[in-house]
């Protein structure tokens, strides 16, 4: 597996992923990798075992192999789509265009051919979860004491005077402002940014200097141990 950053602690409400693959080694590797990146992970070796898991547990996404003995992934996905809109990310050693089209026609949300880079799988999972998440109606502006942030145009003011933001700071503020009061993981914040979690910590410190009365003891943009950062508003 590819190298990755320090494991992200798993929180109780972290997305729960079901990995369905008849290859024991792949199940174990994906369970370890995804767990290290903050997800709760269960595994199943067949479509039948996956159905049993789903009877007792709630999942946020299924990573599903297409080539399995007995009922294959395509048939399983087709049956699921008659019952639920649960996101499905299909894995397959088949790289033919026809196979990918068949999967999309069945209703899977994404399709990743084997072999794949674990980091790409992680990014695709995050992308599917964002697309399938509940629609959030963002406020037009948020108040942070003497500071106002206008969400759509990405403008920050203090006492009516504009405070300059970099492009990345503006993107981060918009992400926080659209989910006020919700912890956002470092993983989701840094995405493909070079420097990873350390770069995000630097960006957060710079933002605090612009929105907090005392950046050393933040009131609005706070760290949530093991979960990332959270923005509180007035």
C-alpha atoms as a PDB file:
ATOM      1  CA  UNK A   1       0.000   0.000   0.000  1.00  0.00           C
ATOM      2  CA  UNK A   2       1.118   3.566  -0.574  1.00  0.00           C
ATOM      3  CA  UNK A   3       2.610   5.638   2.239  1.00  0.00           C
ATOM      4  CA  UNK A   4       0.194   7.893   4.061  1.00  0.00           C
ATOM      5  CA  UNK A   5       0.106  10.333   6.930  1.00  0.00           C
ATOM      6  CA  UNK A   6      -0.408   9.771  10.647  1.00  0.00           C
ATOM      7  CA  UNK A   7      -3.600   7.743  11.249  1.00  0.00           C
ATOM      8  CA  UNK A   8      -6.745   9.810  11.745  1.00  0.00           C
ATOM      9  CA  UNK A   9      -8.578   8.806  14.954  1.00  0.00           C
ATOM     10  CA  UNK A  10     -12.002   7.285  14.307  1.00  0.00           C
ATOM     11  CA  UNK A  11     -14.950   9.129  15.829  1.00  0.00           C
ATOM     12  CA  UNK A  12     -18.313   7.559  16.651  1.00  0.00           C
ATOM     13  CA  UNK A  13     -20.139   9.304  13.799  1.00  0.00           C
ATOM     14  CA  UNK A  14     -17.431   8.664  11.191  1.00  0.00           C
ATOM     15  CA  UNK A  15     -18.766   7.262   7.885  1.00  0.00           C
ATOM     16  CA  UNK A  16     -19.195   3.484   8.014  1.00  0.00           C
ATOM     17  CA  UNK A  17     -17.933   1.643   4.947  1.00  0.00           C
ATOM     18  CA  UNK A  18     -18.647  -1.954   3.956  1.00  0.00           C
ATOM     19  CA  UNK A  19     -15.876  -3.550   1.876  1.00  0.00           C
ATOM     20  CA  UNK A  20     -17.153  -6.534  -0.127  1.00  0.00           C
ATOM     21  CA  UNK A  21     -14.401  -8.584  -1.803  1.00  0.00           C
ATOM     22  CA  UNK A  22     -13.687 -12.294  -1.927  1.00  0.00           C
ATOM     23  CA  UNK A  23      -9.919 -11.632  -1.737  1.00  0.00           C
ATOM     24  CA  UNK A  24      -9.017 -11.795   1.967  1.00  0.00           C
ATOM     25  CA  UNK A  25      -5.780  -9.853   1.473  1.00  0.00           C
ATOM     26  CA  UNK A  26      -7.565  -6.954  -0.234  1.00  0.00           C
ATOM     27  CA  UNK A  27     -10.234  -6.872   2.484  1.00  0.00           C
ATOM     28  CA  UNK A  28      -7.592  -6.670   5.193  1.00  0.00           C
ATOM     29  CA  UNK A  29      -5.520  -4.022   3.393  1.00  0.00           C
ATOM     30  CA  UNK A  30      -8.535  -1.824   2.677  1.00  0.00           C
ATOM     31  CA  UNK A  31      -9.854  -2.205   6.211  1.00  0.00           C
ATOM     32  CA  UNK A  32      -6.489  -1.128   7.640  1.00  0.00           C
ATOM     33  CA  UNK A  33      -5.996   1.758   5.195  1.00  0.00           C
ATOM     34  CA  UNK A  34      -9.503   3.190   5.492  1.00  0.00           C
ATOM     35  CA  UNK A  35      -9.508   2.807   9.277  1.00  0.00           C
ATOM     36  CA  UNK A  36      -6.236   4.734   9.433  1.00  0.00           C
ATOM     37  CA  UNK A  37      -7.953   7.494   7.478  1.00  0.00           C
ATOM     38  CA  UNK A  38     -10.778   7.925   9.958  1.00  0.00           C
ATOM     39  CA  UNK A  39     -13.504   5.602   8.628  1.00  0.00           C
ATOM     40  CA  UNK A  40     -15.355   2.842  10.426  1.00  0.00           C
ATOM     41  CA  UNK A  41     -14.952  -0.295   8.292  1.00  0.00           C
ATOM     42  CA  UNK A  42     -16.691  -3.664   8.113  1.00  0.00           C
ATOM     43  CA  UNK A  43     -15.913  -6.384   5.576  1.00  0.00           C
ATOM     44  CA  UNK A  44     -17.720  -9.192   3.777  1.00  0.00           C
ATOM     45  CA  UNK A  45     -16.370 -11.928   1.515  1.00  0.00           C
ATOM     46  CA  UNK A  46     -19.518 -12.400  -0.562  1.00  0.00           C
ATOM     47  CA  UNK A  47     -22.816 -10.820  -1.530  1.00  0.00           C
ATOM     48  CA  UNK A  48     -24.628 -13.093   0.923  1.00  0.00           C
ATOM     49  CA  UNK A  49     -22.378 -12.092   3.794  1.00  0.00           C
ATOM     50  CA  UNK A  50     -22.796  -8.428   2.835  1.00  0.00           C
ATOM     51  CA  UNK A  51     -26.573  -8.781   3.040  1.00  0.00           C
ATOM     52  CA  UNK A  52     -26.256 -10.280   6.521  1.00  0.00           C
ATOM     53  CA  UNK A  53     -24.056  -7.368   7.608  1.00  0.00           C
ATOM     54  CA  UNK A  54     -26.567  -4.861   6.229  1.00  0.00           C
ATOM     55  CA  UNK A  55     -29.411  -6.389   8.222  1.00  0.00           C
ATOM     56  CA  UNK A  56     -27.775  -5.451  11.492  1.00  0.00           C
ATOM     57  CA  UNK A  57     -25.625  -2.422  10.650  1.00  0.00           C
ATOM     58  CA  UNK A  58     -26.094   0.897   8.855  1.00  0.00           C
ATOM     59  CA  UNK A  59     -23.526   1.843   6.227  1.00  0.00           C
ATOM     60  CA  UNK A  60     -22.713   5.068   4.419  1.00  0.00           C
ATOM     61  CA  UNK A  61     -21.012   3.499   1.382  1.00  0.00           C
ATOM     62  CA  UNK A  62     -20.155   0.102  -0.094  1.00  0.00           C
ATOM     63  CA  UNK A  63     -16.841  -0.670  -1.788  1.00  0.00           C
ATOM     64  CA  UNK A  64     -17.844  -3.607  -3.966  1.00  0.00           C
ATOM     65  CA  UNK A  65     -15.715  -5.985  -6.030  1.00  0.00           C
ATOM     66  CA  UNK A  66     -17.328  -7.091  -9.266  1.00  0.00           C
ATOM     67  CA  UNK A  67     -15.608 -10.491  -9.647  1.00  0.00           C
ATOM     68  CA  UNK A  68     -16.819 -12.764  -6.860  1.00  0.00           C
ATOM     69  CA  UNK A  69     -17.826 -16.443  -6.836  1.00  0.00           C
ATOM     70  CA  UNK A  70     -21.531 -17.095  -6.667  1.00  0.00           C
ATOM     71  CA  UNK A  71     -23.447 -13.836  -7.004  1.00  0.00           C
ATOM     72  CA  UNK A  72     -21.112 -11.308  -8.579  1.00  0.00           C
ATOM     73  CA  UNK A  73     -20.867  -7.632  -7.674  1.00  0.00           C
ATOM     74  CA  UNK A  74     -22.875  -6.474 -10.667  1.00  0.00           C
ATOM     75  CA  UNK A  75     -25.855  -8.631  -9.735  1.00  0.00           C
ATOM     76  CA  UNK A  76     -25.585  -7.603  -6.090  1.00  0.00           C
ATOM     77  CA  UNK A  77     -25.470  -3.898  -7.022  1.00  0.00           C
ATOM     78  CA  UNK A  78     -28.472  -4.316  -9.320  1.00  0.00           C
ATOM     79  CA  UNK A  79     -30.471  -5.843  -6.473  1.00  0.00           C
ATOM     80  CA  UNK A  80     -29.398  -3.157  -4.019  1.00  0.00           C
ATOM     81  CA  UNK A  81     -30.536  -0.390  -6.338  1.00  0.00           C
ATOM     82  CA  UNK A  82     -34.091  -1.733  -6.170  1.00  0.00           C
ATOM     83  CA  UNK A  83     -34.047  -1.298  -2.388  1.00  0.00           C
ATOM     84  CA  UNK A  84     -31.739   1.578  -1.484  1.00  0.00           C
ATOM     85  CA  UNK A  85     -29.778   4.598  -2.727  1.00  0.00           C
ATOM     86  CA  UNK A  86     -26.782   3.622  -0.603  1.00  0.00           C
ATOM     87  CA  UNK A  87     -23.653   4.806  -2.466  1.00  0.00           C
ATOM     88  CA  UNK A  88     -21.684   2.072  -4.234  1.00  0.00           C
ATOM     89  CA  UNK A  89     -18.088   2.293  -5.437  1.00  0.00           C
ATOM     90  CA  UNK A  90     -17.332  -0.637  -7.731  1.00  0.00           C
ATOM     91  CA  UNK A  91     -13.895  -2.276  -7.955  1.00  0.00           C
ATOM     92  CA  UNK A  92     -12.963  -4.506 -10.858  1.00  0.00           C
ATOM     93  CA  UNK A  93     -10.016  -6.104 -12.601  1.00  0.00           C
ATOM     94  CA  UNK A  94     -11.988  -5.536 -15.789  1.00  0.00           C
ATOM     95  CA  UNK A  95     -10.854  -2.349 -17.485  1.00  0.00           C
ATOM     96  CA  UNK A  96     -13.038  -2.541 -20.571  1.00  0.00           C
ATOM     97  CA  UNK A  97     -15.265   0.439 -21.285  1.00  0.00           C
ATOM     98  CA  UNK A  98     -18.273  -1.870 -21.635  1.00  0.00           C
ATOM     99  CA  UNK A  99     -17.821  -3.162 -18.098  1.00  0.00           C
ATOM    100  CA  UNK A 100     -17.627   0.346 -16.647  1.00  0.00           C
ATOM    101  CA  UNK A 101     -20.705   1.409 -18.580  1.00  0.00           C
ATOM    102  CA  UNK A 102     -22.620  -1.639 -17.336  1.00  0.00           C
ATOM    103  CA  UNK A 103     -21.756  -0.739 -13.757  1.00  0.00           C
ATOM    104  CA  UNK A 104     -22.904   2.839 -14.190  1.00  0.00           C
ATOM    105  CA  UNK A 105     -26.100   1.661 -15.873  1.00  0.00           C
ATOM    106  CA  UNK A 106     -26.798  -0.584 -12.891  1.00  0.00           C
ATOM    107  CA  UNK A 107     -26.564   2.492 -10.702  1.00  0.00           C
ATOM    108  CA  UNK A 108     -23.157   2.414  -9.026  1.00  0.00           C
ATOM    109  CA  UNK A 109     -21.829   5.847  -8.089  1.00  0.00           C
ATOM    110  CA  UNK A 110     -18.219   5.352  -9.164  1.00  0.00           C
ATOM    111  CA  UNK A 111     -16.040   2.700 -10.767  1.00  0.00           C
ATOM    112  CA  UNK A 112     -12.342   2.080 -10.055  1.00  0.00           C
ATOM    113  CA  UNK A 113     -10.349  -0.519 -12.019  1.00  0.00           C
ATOM    114  CA  UNK A 114      -7.772  -2.724 -10.300  1.00  0.00           C
ATOM    115  CA  UNK A 115      -4.933  -2.274  -9.576  1.00  0.00           C
ATOM    116  CA  UNK A 116      -5.475   1.127  -7.997  1.00  0.00           C
ATOM    117  CA  UNK A 117      -3.664   3.505  -5.686  1.00  0.00           C
ATOM    118  CA  UNK A 118      -5.190   3.527  -2.191  1.00  0.00           C
ATOM    119  CA  UNK A 119      -5.004   7.319  -2.138  1.00  0.00           C
ATOM    120  CA  UNK A 120      -7.166   7.475  -5.272  1.00  0.00           C
ATOM    121  CA  UNK A 121      -9.710   5.157  -3.671  1.00  0.00           C
ATOM    122  CA  UNK A 122      -9.773   7.400  -0.601  1.00  0.00           C
ATOM    123  CA  UNK A 123     -10.361  10.534  -2.684  1.00  0.00           C
ATOM    124  CA  UNK A 124     -13.118   8.839  -4.679  1.00  0.00           C
ATOM    125  CA  UNK A 125     -14.848   7.675  -1.489  1.00  0.00           C
ATOM    126  CA  UNK A 126     -14.713  11.195  -0.080  1.00  0.00           C
ATOM    127  CA  UNK A 127     -16.081  12.596  -3.344  1.00  0.00           C
ATOM    128  CA  UNK A 128     -19.017  10.143  -3.441  1.00  0.00           C
ATOM    129  CA  UNK A 129     -19.871  10.826   0.200  1.00  0.00           C
ATOM    130  CA  UNK A 130     -19.878  14.576  -0.426  1.00  0.00           C
ATOM    131  CA  UNK A 131     -22.173  14.182  -3.444  1.00  0.00           C
ATOM    132  CA  UNK A 132     -24.552  11.908  -1.567  1.00  0.00           C
ATOM    133  CA  UNK A 133     -24.595  13.899   1.653  1.00  0.00           C
ATOM    134  CA  UNK A 134     -27.659  15.889   2.717  1.00  0.00           C
ATOM    135  CA  UNK A 135     -28.099  19.176   0.939  1.00  0.00           C
ATOM    136  CA  UNK A 136     -26.876  21.975   3.165  1.00  0.00           C
ATOM    137  CA  UNK A 137     -28.393  25.437   2.823  1.00  0.00           C
ATOM    138  CA  UNK A 138     -25.534  27.767   3.609  1.00  0.00           C
ATOM    139  CA  UNK A 139     -26.161  31.156   5.233  1.00  0.00           C
ATOM    140  CA  UNK A 140     -25.425  34.193   3.094  1.00  0.00           C
ATOM    141  CA  UNK A 141     -23.199  35.575   5.830  1.00  0.00           C
ATOM    142  CA  UNK A 142     -21.868  34.521   9.223  1.00  0.00           C
ATOM    143  CA  UNK A 143     -20.947  36.634  12.235  1.00  0.00           C
ATOM    144  CA  UNK A 144     -17.823  36.038  14.295  1.00  0.00           C
ATOM    145  CA  UNK A 145     -17.819  38.838  16.826  1.00  0.00           C
ATOM    146  CA  UNK A 146     -16.594  41.960  15.036  1.00  0.00           C
ATOM    147  CA  UNK A 147     -15.930  39.899  11.907  1.00  0.00           C
ATOM    148  CA  UNK A 148     -18.421  39.160   9.118  1.00  0.00           C
ATOM    149  CA  UNK A 149     -17.855  36.602   6.368  1.00  0.00           C
ATOM    150  CA  UNK A 150     -19.976  36.822   3.211  1.00  0.00           C
ATOM    151  CA  UNK A 151     -20.133  33.210   2.100  1.00  0.00           C
ATOM    152  CA  UNK A 152     -20.902  33.347  -1.607  1.00  0.00           C
ATOM    153  CA  UNK A 153     -18.458  36.074  -2.551  1.00  0.00           C
ATOM    154  CA  UNK A 154     -15.864  34.935  -0.022  1.00  0.00           C
ATOM    155  CA  UNK A 155     -15.382  38.377   1.540  1.00  0.00           C
ATOM    156  CA  UNK A 156     -14.222  38.897   5.123  1.00  0.00           C
ATOM    157  CA  UNK A 157     -14.671  42.196   6.959  1.00  0.00           C
ATOM    158  CA  UNK A 158     -13.785  43.451  10.430  1.00  0.00           C
ATOM    159  CA  UNK A 159     -15.800  46.432  11.650  1.00  0.00           C
ATOM    160  CA  UNK A 160     -16.830  46.993   8.030  1.00  0.00           C
ATOM    161  CA  UNK A 161     -13.240  47.052   6.712  1.00  0.00           C
ATOM    162  CA  UNK A 162     -12.193  44.375   4.221  1.00  0.00           C
ATOM    163  CA  UNK A 163      -9.670  41.814   5.464  1.00  0.00           C
ATOM    164  CA  UNK A 164      -7.613  40.289   2.674  1.00  0.00           C
ATOM    165  CA  UNK A 165      -7.843  36.508   2.264  1.00  0.00           C
ATOM    166  CA  UNK A 166      -5.702  34.250   0.114  1.00  0.00           C
ATOM    167  CA  UNK A 167      -7.513  31.945  -2.314  1.00  0.00           C
ATOM    168  CA  UNK A 168      -6.948  28.958  -0.022  1.00  0.00           C
ATOM    169  CA  UNK A 169      -8.109  30.858   3.076  1.00  0.00           C
ATOM    170  CA  UNK A 170     -11.268  31.869   1.235  1.00  0.00           C
ATOM    171  CA  UNK A 171     -11.946  28.245   0.234  1.00  0.00           C
ATOM    172  CA  UNK A 172     -11.481  27.063   3.799  1.00  0.00           C
ATOM    173  CA  UNK A 173     -13.740  29.769   5.213  1.00  0.00           C
ATOM    174  CA  UNK A 174     -16.459  28.878   2.707  1.00  0.00           C
ATOM    175  CA  UNK A 175     -16.171  25.194   3.612  1.00  0.00           C
ATOM    176  CA  UNK A 176     -16.470  25.956   7.332  1.00  0.00           C
ATOM    177  CA  UNK A 177     -19.251  28.523   6.821  1.00  0.00           C
ATOM    178  CA  UNK A 178     -21.382  26.015   4.913  1.00  0.00           C
ATOM    179  CA  UNK A 179     -21.139  23.565   7.826  1.00  0.00           C
ATOM    180  CA  UNK A 180     -21.095  25.734  10.976  1.00  0.00           C
ATOM    181  CA  UNK A 181     -20.919  23.775  14.195  1.00  0.00           C
ATOM    182  CA  UNK A 182     -19.730  20.614  12.421  1.00  0.00           C
ATOM    183  CA  UNK A 183     -16.256  19.151  12.907  1.00  0.00           C
ATOM    184  CA  UNK A 184     -14.394  18.789   9.603  1.00  0.00           C
ATOM    185  CA  UNK A 185     -11.479  16.356   9.488  1.00  0.00           C
ATOM    186  CA  UNK A 186      -7.996  17.355   8.404  1.00  0.00           C
ATOM    187  CA  UNK A 187      -8.317  14.714   5.692  1.00  0.00           C
ATOM    188  CA  UNK A 188     -11.274  16.517   4.113  1.00  0.00           C
ATOM    189  CA  UNK A 189      -9.599  19.890   4.513  1.00  0.00           C
ATOM    190  CA  UNK A 190      -6.258  19.171   2.936  1.00  0.00           C
ATOM    191  CA  UNK A 191      -7.441  17.010   0.002  1.00  0.00           C
ATOM    192  CA  UNK A 192      -4.550  17.125  -2.530  1.00  0.00           C
ATOM    193  CA  UNK A 193      -2.750  20.020  -0.877  1.00  0.00           C
ATOM    194  CA  UNK A 194       1.014  19.566  -0.676  1.00  0.00           C
ATOM    195  CA  UNK A 195       2.187  19.371   2.899  1.00  0.00           C
ATOM    196  CA  UNK A 196      -0.929  17.543   4.048  1.00  0.00           C
ATOM    197  CA  UNK A 197      -2.081  17.988   7.626  1.00  0.00           C
ATOM    198  CA  UNK A 198       0.847  20.239   8.580  1.00  0.00           C
ATOM    199  CA  UNK A 199      -0.043  22.662   5.759  1.00  0.00           C
ATOM    200  CA  UNK A 200      -3.652  22.795   6.981  1.00  0.00           C
ATOM    201  CA  UNK A 201      -2.525  23.558  10.544  1.00  0.00           C
ATOM    202  CA  UNK A 202      -0.547  26.508   9.175  1.00  0.00           C
ATOM    203  CA  UNK A 203      -3.555  27.740   7.177  1.00  0.00           C
ATOM    204  CA  UNK A 204      -5.803  27.451  10.246  1.00  0.00           C
ATOM    205  CA  UNK A 205      -3.361  29.494  12.333  1.00  0.00           C
ATOM    206  CA  UNK A 206      -3.331  32.211   9.662  1.00  0.00           C
ATOM    207  CA  UNK A 207      -7.131  32.275   9.556  1.00  0.00           C
ATOM    208  CA  UNK A 208      -7.293  32.600  13.321  1.00  0.00           C
ATOM    209  CA  UNK A 209      -5.119  35.695  13.171  1.00  0.00           C
ATOM    210  CA  UNK A 210      -7.712  37.228  10.872  1.00  0.00           C
ATOM    211  CA  UNK A 211     -10.934  36.253  12.646  1.00  0.00           C
ATOM    212  CA  UNK A 212     -10.063  35.809  16.325  1.00  0.00           C
ATOM    213  CA  UNK A 213      -9.592  38.562  18.913  1.00  0.00           C
ATOM    214  CA  UNK A 214      -6.928  36.346  20.523  1.00  0.00           C
ATOM    215  CA  UNK A 215      -5.620  33.693  18.076  1.00  0.00           C
ATOM    216  CA  UNK A 216      -3.855  31.870  20.923  1.00  0.00           C
ATOM    217  CA  UNK A 217      -7.209  31.163  22.611  1.00  0.00           C
ATOM    218  CA  UNK A 218      -9.655  30.833  19.683  1.00  0.00           C
ATOM    219  CA  UNK A 219     -13.359  31.264  20.321  1.00  0.00           C
ATOM    220  CA  UNK A 220     -14.720  30.626  16.832  1.00  0.00           C
ATOM    221  CA  UNK A 221     -12.310  28.389  14.877  1.00  0.00           C
ATOM    222  CA  UNK A 222     -11.522  25.622  17.330  1.00  0.00           C
ATOM    223  CA  UNK A 223      -9.578  22.379  17.241  1.00  0.00           C
ATOM    224  CA  UNK A 224     -11.528  19.207  17.953  1.00  0.00           C
ATOM    225  CA  UNK A 225      -9.084  16.616  19.251  1.00  0.00           C
ATOM    226  CA  UNK A 226      -9.108  13.580  17.003  1.00  0.00           C
ATOM    227  CA  UNK A 227     -11.697  15.036  14.625  1.00  0.00           C
ATOM    228  CA  UNK A 228     -10.211  18.139  12.965  1.00  0.00           C
ATOM    229  CA  UNK A 229     -11.571  21.681  13.213  1.00  0.00           C
ATOM    230  CA  UNK A 230     -14.952  23.284  13.815  1.00  0.00           C
ATOM    231  CA  UNK A 231     -16.266  26.811  13.224  1.00  0.00           C
ATOM    232  CA  UNK A 232     -18.691  28.313  15.727  1.00  0.00           C
ATOM    233  CA  UNK A 233     -20.663  31.432  14.824  1.00  0.00           C
ATOM    234  CA  UNK A 234     -22.647  34.089  16.697  1.00  0.00           C
END
